[in-house]
């Protein structure tokens, strides 16, 4: 069993309040969950209105499948016109770790 995590740091476009930030971040998180069957949440930069860190996690029996899912999620977030992808961090864990 393998678990993979991906943290993406994004810069939000024309957002001037935390309410505006929520209006951008919530649909992205919901779509990641729906489309890719992953766990997703805003995990950092909660008090900044133009930055967000999104955490994405998935579990599978094969490390290659975990990597493929996280690659797909990263490409999808990077392609969103309302955000600019600044950086990503990944970790892969095995059940034997």
C-alpha atoms as a PDB file:
ATOM      1  CA  UNK A   1       0.000   0.000   0.000  1.00  0.00           C
ATOM      2  CA  UNK A   2       1.344   3.408  -0.964  1.00  0.00           C
ATOM      3  CA  UNK A   3       0.283   6.878   0.134  1.00  0.00           C
ATOM      4  CA  UNK A   4       1.260  10.003  -1.751  1.00  0.00           C
ATOM      5  CA  UNK A   5       0.912  13.610  -0.731  1.00  0.00           C
ATOM      6  CA  UNK A   6       1.238  16.737  -2.819  1.00  0.00           C
ATOM      7  CA  UNK A   7       1.275  20.283  -1.469  1.00  0.00           C
ATOM      8  CA  UNK A   8       0.834  23.012  -4.062  1.00  0.00           C
ATOM      9  CA  UNK A   9       1.523  26.664  -3.325  1.00  0.00           C
ATOM     10  CA  UNK A  10      -0.579  28.939  -5.514  1.00  0.00           C
ATOM     11  CA  UNK A  11      -0.912  32.670  -6.046  1.00  0.00           C
ATOM     12  CA  UNK A  12      -4.497  33.768  -6.562  1.00  0.00           C
ATOM     13  CA  UNK A  13      -5.399  36.319  -9.193  1.00  0.00           C
ATOM     14  CA  UNK A  14      -7.646  39.304  -8.558  1.00  0.00           C
ATOM     15  CA  UNK A  15      -8.584  38.524  -4.930  1.00  0.00           C
ATOM     16  CA  UNK A  16      -8.862  41.273  -2.314  1.00  0.00           C
ATOM     17  CA  UNK A  17     -10.392  39.526   0.698  1.00  0.00           C
ATOM     18  CA  UNK A  18     -10.533  36.203   2.495  1.00  0.00           C
ATOM     19  CA  UNK A  19     -14.108  35.837   1.256  1.00  0.00           C
ATOM     20  CA  UNK A  20     -12.863  36.232  -2.311  1.00  0.00           C
ATOM     21  CA  UNK A  21     -10.128  33.696  -1.602  1.00  0.00           C
ATOM     22  CA  UNK A  22     -12.705  31.148  -0.405  1.00  0.00           C
ATOM     23  CA  UNK A  23     -14.702  31.713  -3.590  1.00  0.00           C
ATOM     24  CA  UNK A  24     -11.658  30.651  -5.636  1.00  0.00           C
ATOM     25  CA  UNK A  25     -10.201  27.903  -3.413  1.00  0.00           C
ATOM     26  CA  UNK A  26     -13.377  25.981  -2.514  1.00  0.00           C
ATOM     27  CA  UNK A  27     -14.354  25.082  -6.091  1.00  0.00           C
ATOM     28  CA  UNK A  28     -10.795  23.944  -6.855  1.00  0.00           C
ATOM     29  CA  UNK A  29     -10.706  21.687  -3.782  1.00  0.00           C
ATOM     30  CA  UNK A  30     -14.186  20.318  -4.531  1.00  0.00           C
ATOM     31  CA  UNK A  31     -13.313  19.567  -8.150  1.00  0.00           C
ATOM     32  CA  UNK A  32     -10.069  17.788  -7.170  1.00  0.00           C
ATOM     33  CA  UNK A  33     -12.053  15.579  -4.797  1.00  0.00           C
ATOM     34  CA  UNK A  34     -14.784  14.879  -7.331  1.00  0.00           C
ATOM     35  CA  UNK A  35     -12.693  14.403 -10.444  1.00  0.00           C
ATOM     36  CA  UNK A  36      -9.729  12.454  -9.052  1.00  0.00           C
ATOM     37  CA  UNK A  37     -11.128  10.795  -5.880  1.00  0.00           C
ATOM     38  CA  UNK A  38      -8.379  12.286  -3.706  1.00  0.00           C
ATOM     39  CA  UNK A  39      -8.382  13.961  -0.325  1.00  0.00           C
ATOM     40  CA  UNK A  40      -7.889  17.689  -0.807  1.00  0.00           C
ATOM     41  CA  UNK A  41      -7.969  20.713   1.487  1.00  0.00           C
ATOM     42  CA  UNK A  42      -6.499  24.147   2.011  1.00  0.00           C
ATOM     43  CA  UNK A  43      -3.599  23.445   4.368  1.00  0.00           C
ATOM     44  CA  UNK A  44      -1.640  26.681   4.652  1.00  0.00           C
ATOM     45  CA  UNK A  45      -1.491  30.434   4.186  1.00  0.00           C
ATOM     46  CA  UNK A  46      -4.996  30.653   5.670  1.00  0.00           C
ATOM     47  CA  UNK A  47      -4.595  34.291   6.734  1.00  0.00           C
ATOM     48  CA  UNK A  48      -3.221  35.551   3.389  1.00  0.00           C
ATOM     49  CA  UNK A  49      -5.797  36.509   0.791  1.00  0.00           C
ATOM     50  CA  UNK A  50      -3.662  36.096  -2.349  1.00  0.00           C
ATOM     51  CA  UNK A  51      -1.825  32.874  -1.450  1.00  0.00           C
ATOM     52  CA  UNK A  52      -3.027  29.368  -0.720  1.00  0.00           C
ATOM     53  CA  UNK A  53      -1.462  26.017  -0.034  1.00  0.00           C
ATOM     54  CA  UNK A  54      -3.532  23.052  -1.108  1.00  0.00           C
ATOM     55  CA  UNK A  55      -2.838  19.567   0.201  1.00  0.00           C
ATOM     56  CA  UNK A  56      -3.736  16.549  -1.905  1.00  0.00           C
ATOM     57  CA  UNK A  57      -3.398  12.924  -0.792  1.00  0.00           C
ATOM     58  CA  UNK A  58      -4.170   9.566  -2.339  1.00  0.00           C
ATOM     59  CA  UNK A  59      -3.700   5.893  -1.501  1.00  0.00           C
ATOM     60  CA  UNK A  60      -3.189   2.975  -3.900  1.00  0.00           C
ATOM     61  CA  UNK A  61      -1.634  -0.461  -4.052  1.00  0.00           C
ATOM     62  CA  UNK A  62       0.913   0.653  -6.636  1.00  0.00           C
ATOM     63  CA  UNK A  63       3.434   3.503  -6.315  1.00  0.00           C
ATOM     64  CA  UNK A  64       3.162   4.246 -10.044  1.00  0.00           C
ATOM     65  CA  UNK A  65      -0.597   4.773  -9.733  1.00  0.00           C
ATOM     66  CA  UNK A  66      -0.099   7.179  -6.812  1.00  0.00           C
ATOM     67  CA  UNK A  67       2.460   9.114  -8.863  1.00  0.00           C
ATOM     68  CA  UNK A  68       0.149   9.229 -11.894  1.00  0.00           C
ATOM     69  CA  UNK A  69      -2.767  10.577  -9.833  1.00  0.00           C
ATOM     70  CA  UNK A  70      -0.617  13.267  -8.206  1.00  0.00           C
ATOM     71  CA  UNK A  71       0.893  14.227 -11.589  1.00  0.00           C
ATOM     72  CA  UNK A  72      -2.598  14.610 -13.022  1.00  0.00           C
ATOM     73  CA  UNK A  73      -3.752  16.720 -10.073  1.00  0.00           C
ATOM     74  CA  UNK A  74      -0.680  18.956 -10.355  1.00  0.00           C
ATOM     75  CA  UNK A  75      -1.247  19.509 -14.085  1.00  0.00           C
ATOM     76  CA  UNK A  76      -4.931  20.261 -13.483  1.00  0.00           C
ATOM     77  CA  UNK A  77      -4.162  22.880 -10.795  1.00  0.00           C
ATOM     78  CA  UNK A  78      -1.402  24.404 -12.954  1.00  0.00           C
ATOM     79  CA  UNK A  79      -3.903  24.763 -15.802  1.00  0.00           C
ATOM     80  CA  UNK A  80      -6.443  26.719 -13.751  1.00  0.00           C
ATOM     81  CA  UNK A  81      -6.615  30.287 -15.106  1.00  0.00           C
ATOM     82  CA  UNK A  82      -7.489  31.829 -11.713  1.00  0.00           C
ATOM     83  CA  UNK A  83      -4.245  30.678 -10.020  1.00  0.00           C
ATOM     84  CA  UNK A  84      -0.522  30.679 -10.705  1.00  0.00           C
ATOM     85  CA  UNK A  85       1.326  27.595  -9.493  1.00  0.00           C
ATOM     86  CA  UNK A  86       4.373  28.733  -7.484  1.00  0.00           C
ATOM     87  CA  UNK A  87       5.774  25.472  -6.119  1.00  0.00           C
ATOM     88  CA  UNK A  88       4.989  21.873  -5.248  1.00  0.00           C
ATOM     89  CA  UNK A  89       6.210  19.363  -2.667  1.00  0.00           C
ATOM     90  CA  UNK A  90       5.647  15.620  -2.850  1.00  0.00           C
ATOM     91  CA  UNK A  91       6.076  12.693  -0.539  1.00  0.00           C
ATOM     92  CA  UNK A  92       5.505   9.015  -1.146  1.00  0.00           C
ATOM     93  CA  UNK A  93       5.081   6.585   1.721  1.00  0.00           C
ATOM     94  CA  UNK A  94       4.998   2.807   1.669  1.00  0.00           C
ATOM     95  CA  UNK A  95       3.107   0.720   4.221  1.00  0.00           C
ATOM     96  CA  UNK A  96       6.487  -0.799   5.102  1.00  0.00           C
ATOM     97  CA  UNK A  97       7.907   2.623   6.152  1.00  0.00           C
END
